[in-house]
Every structure is written in structure tokens, then in C-alpha cells.
Amino acid sequence: MRRLKVALTSHSERGRLGARTTNARYDGPTITAKARQTFIDSFLDKVDPTGELRLTNPDEAHRRAEATRKLHYARMAYNSVKARRLLAKKSVAPGGQTRDGANEEGSRDSGNP
């Protein structure tokens, strides 16, 4: 049996056609509604693993879940800043020059006194 070799571009083209067909048929929020709800519920599960708080005080459970969600995004932002700063430090050469030729203060220096 002979296998046909399909170019990678044709796979990506077929995938692109499929995605555009789906987007033409359905609204974006409709497609992702279940995933978004599952994501939100994951925060409820973190603050109330037994489900007891949701039964006794649902408003408090949702308040805590919202706070946990905000904490999640704040941590992501913090880690992003930390990573960018680390990369910026690594891109500074020992002589104080960055990869683009500017010194640490951001001004360009010809190196001549």
C-alpha cells in the first residue's frame, strides 16, 4: 500500500478552512461558552473543594472565586514582568552595551571618551 505524502501547508490550509467554516456558522462566545464556564468553575473548586460554601453562602463562594481569579491574573502579570526584566538583564553585555548598541540608560554611546 502506498502512502500519499501531504505537504504540511495543505494540512494548515485545511485547518484554516475548517476554522473559518466554524466561525461562519457559530458565534465565538457560543463556541467557547463551556470552556469559559469550566475555567470560572475551577476557581470555585479551589476556594470551596467540598461545595459546602456554595450551598450555604453562594455569594461568598463567588466573591472568593472572583478574588482567586484576580490573584491568578495578578500572578501571571508579575511573572511576566519578572521574566521580561530577567531577559533585559541578560541582553546587557558586560561593557554595559545592549544588543541594539544602546547603553543601560538607553542612550547610544560611540565608546569614545
N, C-alpha and C. Protein backbone atom coordinates (compact mmCIF):
# COMPACT_ATOMS: atom_id res chain seq x y z
N MET A 1 0.84 -1.18 0.00
CA MET A 1 0.00 0.00 0.00
C MET A 1 0.89 1.24 0.00
N ARG A 2 0.54 2.16 -0.80
CA ARG A 2 1.31 3.38 -0.97
C ARG A 2 0.70 4.52 -0.17
N ARG A 3 1.53 5.22 0.61
CA ARG A 3 1.04 6.37 1.37
C ARG A 3 1.30 7.65 0.59
N LEU A 4 0.31 8.49 0.55
CA LEU A 4 0.50 9.78 -0.09
C LEU A 4 1.11 10.75 0.90
N LYS A 5 2.12 11.46 0.49
CA LYS A 5 2.71 12.47 1.35
C LYS A 5 1.99 13.78 1.09
N VAL A 6 1.38 14.29 2.15
CA VAL A 6 0.67 15.55 2.04
C VAL A 6 1.54 16.64 2.64
N ALA A 7 1.70 17.69 1.91
CA ALA A 7 2.55 18.78 2.39
C ALA A 7 1.92 19.40 3.64
N LEU A 8 2.79 19.86 4.53
CA LEU A 8 2.33 20.47 5.78
C LEU A 8 1.43 21.67 5.50
N THR A 9 1.72 22.39 4.44
CA THR A 9 0.91 23.56 4.13
C THR A 9 -0.53 23.16 3.80
N SER A 10 -0.72 22.02 3.19
CA SER A 10 -2.09 21.63 2.87
C SER A 10 -2.85 21.28 4.15
N HIS A 11 -2.14 20.73 5.16
CA HIS A 11 -2.79 20.46 6.44
C HIS A 11 -3.21 21.78 7.10
N SER A 12 -2.30 22.74 7.07
CA SER A 12 -2.64 24.01 7.70
C SER A 12 -3.74 24.73 6.92
N GLU A 13 -3.73 24.59 5.62
CA GLU A 13 -4.79 25.20 4.81
C GLU A 13 -6.14 24.56 5.12
N ARG A 14 -6.15 23.23 5.26
CA ARG A 14 -7.41 22.55 5.59
C ARG A 14 -7.88 22.95 6.98
N GLY A 15 -6.95 23.08 7.92
CA GLY A 15 -7.31 23.53 9.25
C GLY A 15 -7.88 24.93 9.25
N ARG A 16 -7.26 25.80 8.46
CA ARG A 16 -7.73 27.18 8.35
C ARG A 16 -9.15 27.22 7.75
N LEU A 17 -9.38 26.38 6.74
CA LEU A 17 -10.73 26.31 6.15
C LEU A 17 -11.75 25.83 7.17
N GLY A 18 -11.37 24.83 7.95
CA GLY A 18 -12.28 24.32 8.98
C GLY A 18 -12.59 25.37 10.03
N ALA A 19 -11.58 26.10 10.45
CA ALA A 19 -11.79 27.14 11.46
C ALA A 19 -12.69 28.24 10.93
N ARG A 20 -12.47 28.62 9.68
CA ARG A 20 -13.31 29.69 9.11
C ARG A 20 -14.74 29.22 8.89
N THR A 21 -14.91 27.94 8.58
CA THR A 21 -16.26 27.39 8.44
C THR A 21 -16.98 27.43 9.78
N THR A 22 -16.30 27.01 10.83
CA THR A 22 -16.89 27.03 12.18
C THR A 22 -17.24 28.45 12.58
N ASN A 23 -16.33 29.40 12.34
CA ASN A 23 -16.58 30.79 12.70
C ASN A 23 -17.72 31.40 11.89
N ALA A 24 -17.92 30.91 10.67
CA ALA A 24 -19.02 31.41 9.86
C ALA A 24 -20.37 30.88 10.35
N ARG A 25 -20.36 29.69 10.93
CA ARG A 25 -21.61 29.06 11.38
C ARG A 25 -22.02 29.46 12.79
N TYR A 26 -21.05 29.72 13.65
CA TYR A 26 -21.34 29.94 15.07
C TYR A 26 -20.69 31.21 15.57
N ASP A 27 -21.28 31.75 16.62
CA ASP A 27 -20.74 32.92 17.29
C ASP A 27 -19.59 32.48 18.20
N GLY A 28 -18.53 33.27 18.28
CA GLY A 28 -17.36 32.92 19.09
C GLY A 28 -17.69 32.60 20.54
N PRO A 29 -18.41 33.48 21.25
CA PRO A 29 -18.75 33.18 22.64
C PRO A 29 -19.58 31.91 22.80
N THR A 30 -20.37 31.58 21.80
CA THR A 30 -21.16 30.35 21.86
C THR A 30 -20.24 29.13 21.81
N ILE A 31 -19.22 29.20 20.97
CA ILE A 31 -18.30 28.08 20.81
C ILE A 31 -17.51 27.84 22.09
N THR A 32 -17.10 28.92 22.75
CA THR A 32 -16.22 28.80 23.92
C THR A 32 -16.95 28.88 25.25
N ALA A 33 -18.27 28.93 25.25
CA ALA A 33 -19.03 29.11 26.49
C ALA A 33 -18.73 28.03 27.52
N LYS A 34 -18.70 26.78 27.11
CA LYS A 34 -18.47 25.69 28.05
C LYS A 34 -17.06 25.77 28.65
N ALA A 35 -16.08 26.08 27.83
CA ALA A 35 -14.70 26.20 28.31
C ALA A 35 -14.57 27.35 29.29
N ARG A 36 -15.20 28.49 28.97
CA ARG A 36 -15.14 29.64 29.89
C ARG A 36 -15.80 29.32 31.21
N GLN A 37 -16.94 28.64 31.18
CA GLN A 37 -17.63 28.29 32.41
C GLN A 37 -16.81 27.30 33.24
N THR A 38 -16.17 26.36 32.59
CA THR A 38 -15.32 25.40 33.29
C THR A 38 -14.15 26.12 33.94
N PHE A 39 -13.58 27.11 33.27
CA PHE A 39 -12.49 27.90 33.82
C PHE A 39 -12.94 28.65 35.07
N ILE A 40 -14.10 29.28 35.00
CA ILE A 40 -14.64 30.01 36.15
C ILE A 40 -14.94 29.04 37.29
N ASP A 41 -15.51 27.90 36.97
CA ASP A 41 -15.81 26.89 37.99
C ASP A 41 -14.55 26.36 38.67
N SER A 42 -13.43 26.37 37.96
CA SER A 42 -12.19 25.88 38.56
C SER A 42 -11.79 26.75 39.75
N PHE A 43 -12.09 28.03 39.70
CA PHE A 43 -11.79 28.92 40.83
C PHE A 43 -12.74 28.64 41.99
N LEU A 44 -13.99 28.33 41.68
CA LEU A 44 -14.93 27.94 42.74
C LEU A 44 -14.46 26.65 43.41
N ASP A 45 -13.95 25.73 42.62
CA ASP A 45 -13.44 24.47 43.17
C ASP A 45 -12.22 24.69 44.05
N LYS A 46 -11.41 25.70 43.72
CA LYS A 46 -10.23 25.98 44.54
C LYS A 46 -10.62 26.55 45.90
N VAL A 47 -11.62 27.45 45.93
CA VAL A 47 -11.99 28.08 47.20
C VAL A 47 -12.98 27.24 48.00
N ASP A 48 -13.68 26.34 47.34
CA ASP A 48 -14.69 25.53 48.01
C ASP A 48 -14.67 24.11 47.45
N PRO A 49 -13.64 23.33 47.79
CA PRO A 49 -13.50 21.99 47.20
C PRO A 49 -14.63 21.04 47.56
N THR A 50 -15.25 21.22 48.72
CA THR A 50 -16.33 20.31 49.13
C THR A 50 -17.68 20.74 48.60
N GLY A 51 -17.81 22.00 48.22
CA GLY A 51 -19.09 22.50 47.72
C GLY A 51 -20.01 22.97 48.83
N GLU A 52 -19.56 22.91 50.06
CA GLU A 52 -20.39 23.29 51.20
C GLU A 52 -20.70 24.79 51.22
N LEU A 53 -19.68 25.61 50.94
CA LEU A 53 -19.87 27.06 50.95
C LEU A 53 -20.85 27.50 49.86
N ARG A 54 -20.81 26.82 48.72
CA ARG A 54 -21.73 27.17 47.63
C ARG A 54 -23.17 26.93 48.02
N LEU A 55 -23.39 25.92 48.88
CA LEU A 55 -24.75 25.63 49.33
C LEU A 55 -25.20 26.58 50.43
N THR A 56 -24.30 26.89 51.36
CA THR A 56 -24.69 27.72 52.50
C THR A 56 -24.63 29.21 52.20
N ASN A 57 -23.63 29.64 51.43
CA ASN A 57 -23.48 31.06 51.14
C ASN A 57 -22.90 31.23 49.74
N PRO A 58 -23.74 31.11 48.72
CA PRO A 58 -23.23 31.17 47.34
C PRO A 58 -22.58 32.51 46.99
N ASP A 59 -23.10 33.60 47.56
CA ASP A 59 -22.50 34.91 47.26
C ASP A 59 -21.05 34.97 47.74
N GLU A 60 -20.80 34.46 48.93
CA GLU A 60 -19.44 34.45 49.48
C GLU A 60 -18.54 33.53 48.66
N ALA A 61 -19.06 32.41 48.22
CA ALA A 61 -18.27 31.50 47.39
C ALA A 61 -17.87 32.18 46.09
N HIS A 62 -18.79 32.89 45.47
CA HIS A 62 -18.49 33.59 44.22
C HIS A 62 -17.54 34.76 44.45
N ARG A 63 -17.67 35.45 45.57
CA ARG A 63 -16.76 36.54 45.89
C ARG A 63 -15.33 36.01 46.04
N ARG A 64 -15.20 34.90 46.75
CA ARG A 64 -13.87 34.30 46.93
C ARG A 64 -13.30 33.78 45.61
N ALA A 65 -14.15 33.20 44.80
CA ALA A 65 -13.70 32.69 43.50
C ALA A 65 -13.22 33.84 42.62
N GLU A 66 -13.94 34.96 42.65
CA GLU A 66 -13.54 36.14 41.87
C GLU A 66 -12.21 36.68 42.37
N ALA A 67 -12.02 36.70 43.69
CA ALA A 67 -10.74 37.15 44.25
C ALA A 67 -9.61 36.22 43.84
N THR A 68 -9.87 34.93 43.81
CA THR A 68 -8.87 33.95 43.40
C THR A 68 -8.54 34.11 41.92
N ARG A 69 -9.54 34.41 41.11
CA ARG A 69 -9.32 34.64 39.68
C ARG A 69 -8.43 35.87 39.48
N LYS A 70 -8.72 36.94 40.22
CA LYS A 70 -7.89 38.15 40.11
C LYS A 70 -6.46 37.88 40.57
N LEU A 71 -6.31 37.08 41.62
CA LEU A 71 -4.99 36.70 42.09
C LEU A 71 -4.24 35.93 41.01
N HIS A 72 -4.94 35.03 40.32
CA HIS A 72 -4.35 34.24 39.25
C HIS A 72 -3.77 35.16 38.17
N TYR A 73 -4.55 36.15 37.73
CA TYR A 73 -4.08 37.05 36.69
C TYR A 73 -2.99 37.99 37.20
N ALA A 74 -3.06 38.39 38.46
CA ALA A 74 -2.01 39.24 39.03
C ALA A 74 -0.69 38.47 39.08
N ARG A 75 -0.74 37.20 39.44
CA ARG A 75 0.48 36.39 39.45
C ARG A 75 1.05 36.22 38.05
N MET A 76 0.17 36.03 37.08
CA MET A 76 0.64 35.91 35.70
C MET A 76 1.34 37.19 35.25
N ALA A 77 0.76 38.34 35.58
CA ALA A 77 1.36 39.61 35.21
C ALA A 77 2.71 39.80 35.92
N TYR A 78 2.77 39.46 37.20
CA TYR A 78 4.01 39.58 37.97
C TYR A 78 5.10 38.70 37.36
N ASN A 79 4.77 37.46 37.06
CA ASN A 79 5.75 36.54 36.47
C ASN A 79 6.20 37.00 35.09
N SER A 80 5.29 37.62 34.35
CA SER A 80 5.63 38.15 33.03
C SER A 80 6.64 39.29 33.15
N VAL A 81 6.39 40.20 34.08
CA VAL A 81 7.31 41.32 34.30
C VAL A 81 8.67 40.80 34.76
N LYS A 82 8.65 39.84 35.67
CA LYS A 82 9.89 39.26 36.19
C LYS A 82 10.69 38.63 35.05
N ALA A 83 10.03 37.91 34.18
CA ALA A 83 10.71 37.25 33.06
C ALA A 83 11.27 38.28 32.08
N ARG A 84 10.50 39.33 31.79
CA ARG A 84 10.99 40.36 30.87
C ARG A 84 12.20 41.08 31.45
N ARG A 85 12.16 41.35 32.76
CA ARG A 85 13.31 42.01 33.39
C ARG A 85 14.54 41.11 33.36
N LEU A 86 14.35 39.83 33.58
CA LEU A 86 15.46 38.89 33.53
C LEU A 86 16.06 38.84 32.13
N LEU A 87 15.21 38.82 31.12
CA LEU A 87 15.69 38.83 29.74
C LEU A 87 16.42 40.12 29.43
N ALA A 88 15.91 41.23 29.95
CA ALA A 88 16.56 42.52 29.70
C ALA A 88 17.93 42.54 30.34
N LYS A 89 18.06 41.98 31.54
CA LYS A 89 19.37 41.93 32.19
C LYS A 89 20.34 41.06 31.41
N LYS A 90 19.86 39.95 30.89
CA LYS A 90 20.71 39.03 30.13
C LYS A 90 21.16 39.64 28.80
N SER A 91 20.35 40.56 28.27
CA SER A 91 20.70 41.15 26.97
C SER A 91 21.72 42.27 27.10
N VAL A 92 22.06 42.69 28.33
CA VAL A 92 23.07 43.71 28.53
C VAL A 92 24.43 43.04 28.60
N ALA A 93 25.32 43.45 27.73
CA ALA A 93 26.67 42.88 27.69
C ALA A 93 27.48 43.39 28.88
N PRO A 94 28.56 42.70 29.22
CA PRO A 94 29.38 43.11 30.36
C PRO A 94 29.85 44.56 30.29
N GLY A 95 30.09 45.11 29.12
CA GLY A 95 30.54 46.50 28.97
C GLY A 95 29.42 47.51 29.13
N GLY A 96 28.20 47.05 29.42
CA GLY A 96 27.07 47.96 29.58
C GLY A 96 26.29 48.20 28.31
N GLN A 97 26.70 47.57 27.20
CA GLN A 97 26.00 47.75 25.94
C GLN A 97 24.92 46.70 25.78
N THR A 98 23.78 47.11 25.29
CA THR A 98 22.72 46.15 24.99
C THR A 98 22.95 45.61 23.60
N ARG A 99 22.15 44.65 23.22
CA ARG A 99 22.31 44.03 21.90
C ARG A 99 22.11 45.03 20.77
N ASP A 100 21.25 46.06 21.01
CA ASP A 100 20.98 47.02 19.95
C ASP A 100 22.00 48.17 19.92
N GLY A 101 23.01 48.12 20.81
CA GLY A 101 24.06 49.13 20.79
C GLY A 101 23.84 50.26 21.77
N ALA A 102 22.72 50.28 22.48
CA ALA A 102 22.47 51.33 23.47
C ALA A 102 23.06 50.90 24.79
N ASN A 103 23.41 51.89 25.63
CA ASN A 103 23.91 51.52 26.96
C ASN A 103 22.72 51.30 27.89
N GLU A 104 22.97 50.95 29.16
CA GLU A 104 21.90 50.59 30.09
C GLU A 104 20.91 51.72 30.29
N GLU A 105 21.37 52.98 30.15
CA GLU A 105 20.46 54.11 30.34
C GLU A 105 19.61 54.36 29.10
N GLY A 106 19.92 53.68 28.01
CA GLY A 106 19.12 53.80 26.80
C GLY A 106 19.71 54.70 25.75
N SER A 107 20.82 55.43 26.08
CA SER A 107 21.41 56.30 25.08
C SER A 107 22.50 55.55 24.33
N ARG A 108 22.73 55.97 23.12
CA ARG A 108 23.77 55.33 22.31
C ARG A 108 25.10 56.01 22.62
N ASP A 109 26.11 55.21 22.76
CA ASP A 109 27.44 55.72 23.08
C ASP A 109 28.42 55.15 22.07
N SER A 110 29.20 56.00 21.49
CA SER A 110 30.15 55.54 20.47
C SER A 110 31.31 54.82 21.10
N GLY A 111 31.47 54.93 22.43
CA GLY A 111 32.58 54.28 23.09
C GLY A 111 33.80 55.15 23.16
N ASN A 112 33.77 56.32 22.52
CA ASN A 112 34.90 57.25 22.56
C ASN A 112 34.71 58.21 23.73
N PRO A 113 35.80 58.52 24.47
CA PRO A 113 35.68 59.45 25.60
C PRO A 113 35.46 60.86 25.17
